[in-house]
Amino acid sequence: MNATRFFLAAGLYAITPFASAQQAAGNPDAAKQYISMCTGCHTIPGYQASFPRVYHVPKIGGQSAKYIESALHAYKKGERSHPTMKVIAEGLNDQQMADIAAYYAARGSEPAAVANK
């Protein structure tokens, strides 16, 4: 009986990373309901935010999905410092972050007007 439990537990452990990877895959279409909070700053070339100090706001269209997702997690954990981004990231779960990252990674260097359609 103990051997059966061991093999069952080992089997579940082995598939857990696969299941997590499957869930974390970003869906660009699902992100469309969240991106309005990103568009106002991240689609304007050369945009700078001025609160609480002047920040250069990067254009994120075409950036690596892995990079965008990693940055969102870093803002959520407080490893990156920007008050607005921290609040936004804290309101997102892992799947939403993956979806947003996939959306912007697929945008390339499209002008803002095209990217928002």
Protein backbone atom coordinates (compact mmCIF):
# COMPACT_ATOMS: atom_id res chain seq x y z
CA MET A 1 0.00 0.00 0.00
CA ASN A 2 2.81 2.44 0.83
CA ALA A 3 4.46 1.74 -2.54
CA THR A 4 1.20 2.56 -4.31
CA ARG A 5 0.94 5.88 -2.48
CA PHE A 6 4.55 6.66 -3.29
CA PHE A 7 4.10 6.06 -7.02
CA LEU A 8 0.83 7.98 -7.08
CA ALA A 9 2.47 10.93 -5.33
CA ALA A 10 5.49 10.73 -7.64
CA GLY A 11 3.21 10.72 -10.67
CA LEU A 12 1.30 13.78 -9.45
CA TYR A 13 4.56 15.56 -8.68
CA ALA A 14 5.86 14.80 -12.17
CA ILE A 15 2.83 16.28 -13.95
CA THR A 16 2.45 19.34 -11.71
CA PRO A 17 5.03 21.50 -13.58
CA PHE A 18 3.41 20.53 -16.88
CA ALA A 19 -0.03 21.54 -15.62
CA SER A 20 1.34 24.85 -14.32
CA ALA A 21 3.06 25.56 -17.61
CA GLN A 22 -0.16 24.83 -19.45
CA GLN A 23 -2.14 27.22 -17.26
CA ALA A 24 0.45 30.00 -17.50
CA ALA A 25 0.40 30.15 -21.30
CA GLY A 26 -0.76 33.61 -22.30
CA ASN A 27 -3.83 34.17 -24.45
CA PRO A 28 -3.61 37.50 -26.31
CA ASP A 29 -7.36 37.55 -26.97
CA ALA A 30 -8.18 37.16 -23.27
CA ALA A 31 -5.97 40.18 -22.48
CA LYS A 32 -8.18 42.59 -24.42
CA GLN A 33 -10.37 43.10 -21.35
CA TYR A 34 -7.34 44.21 -19.26
CA ILE A 35 -5.18 46.27 -21.62
CA SER A 36 -7.00 49.58 -21.27
CA MET A 37 -4.97 50.21 -18.12
CA CYS A 38 -1.74 49.76 -20.14
CA THR A 39 -2.60 51.58 -23.34
CA GLY A 40 -2.69 55.12 -21.95
CA CYS A 41 1.03 55.09 -21.19
CA HIS A 42 2.73 52.21 -22.97
CA THR A 43 1.57 52.90 -26.52
CA ILE A 44 2.69 56.54 -26.69
CA PRO A 45 6.20 56.88 -28.14
CA GLY A 46 8.44 58.92 -25.84
CA TYR A 47 5.83 59.19 -23.09
CA GLN A 48 7.03 60.20 -19.63
CA ALA A 49 5.05 59.89 -16.43
CA SER A 50 5.71 62.54 -13.84
CA PHE A 51 4.45 61.07 -10.58
CA PRO A 52 6.09 60.81 -8.12
CA ARG A 53 9.10 61.63 -10.30
CA VAL A 54 9.72 61.66 -14.05
CA TYR A 55 9.79 58.13 -15.49
CA HIS A 56 10.48 57.18 -19.07
CA VAL A 57 7.59 54.87 -19.99
CA PRO A 58 8.71 52.13 -22.39
CA LYS A 59 6.67 51.17 -25.41
CA ILE A 60 5.99 47.48 -24.72
CA GLY A 61 4.56 46.32 -28.05
CA GLY A 62 6.85 43.65 -29.48
CA GLN A 63 8.73 43.14 -26.23
CA SER A 64 9.32 39.54 -25.16
CA ALA A 65 6.31 38.03 -23.37
CA LYS A 66 8.66 36.47 -20.83
CA TYR A 67 10.18 39.88 -20.09
CA ILE A 68 6.79 41.61 -19.69
CA GLU A 69 5.47 38.85 -17.44
CA SER A 70 8.65 38.91 -15.36
CA ALA A 71 8.44 42.70 -15.00
CA LEU A 72 4.81 42.51 -13.85
CA HIS A 73 5.73 39.92 -11.23
CA ALA A 74 8.62 42.11 -10.06
CA TYR A 75 6.31 45.12 -9.65
CA LYS A 76 3.83 42.96 -7.73
CA LYS A 77 6.56 41.71 -5.37
CA GLY A 78 8.01 45.21 -4.90
CA GLU A 79 11.27 44.28 -6.64
CA ARG A 80 10.63 47.05 -9.17
CA SER A 81 9.67 50.49 -8.02
CA HIS A 82 6.84 52.47 -9.57
CA PRO A 83 3.70 53.20 -7.55
CA THR A 84 1.22 52.96 -10.43
CA MET A 85 2.72 49.77 -11.85
CA LYS A 86 2.81 48.18 -8.39
CA VAL A 87 -0.91 48.82 -7.88
CA ILE A 88 -1.75 47.54 -11.36
CA ALA A 89 0.36 44.39 -10.94
CA GLU A 90 -1.09 43.68 -7.49
CA GLY A 91 -4.54 43.52 -9.08
CA LEU A 92 -3.51 40.87 -11.63
CA ASN A 93 -3.26 37.14 -11.18
CA ASP A 94 -0.62 35.00 -12.94
CA GLN A 95 -2.91 34.12 -15.86
CA GLN A 96 -3.87 37.75 -16.48
CA MET A 97 -0.18 38.71 -16.48
CA ALA A 98 0.59 35.94 -18.98
CA ASP A 99 -2.33 37.08 -21.18
CA ILE A 100 -1.20 40.72 -21.16
CA ALA A 101 2.39 39.70 -21.88
CA ALA A 102 1.27 37.54 -24.82
CA TYR A 103 -0.89 40.38 -26.17
CA TYR A 104 1.90 42.96 -26.17
CA ALA A 105 4.52 40.50 -27.41
CA ALA A 106 2.32 39.88 -30.45
CA ARG A 107 1.85 43.61 -31.15
CA GLY A 108 5.28 44.23 -32.64
CA SER A 109 6.04 47.86 -33.28
CA GLU A 110 2.54 48.74 -34.49
CA PRO A 111 1.40 52.33 -34.02
CA ALA A 112 -0.89 52.81 -31.02
CA ALA A 113 -3.98 53.38 -33.20
CA VAL A 114 -3.54 49.98 -34.88
CA ALA A 115 -2.63 48.14 -31.66
CA ASN A 116 -5.81 49.31 -29.95
CA LYS A 117 -8.21 47.89 -32.53
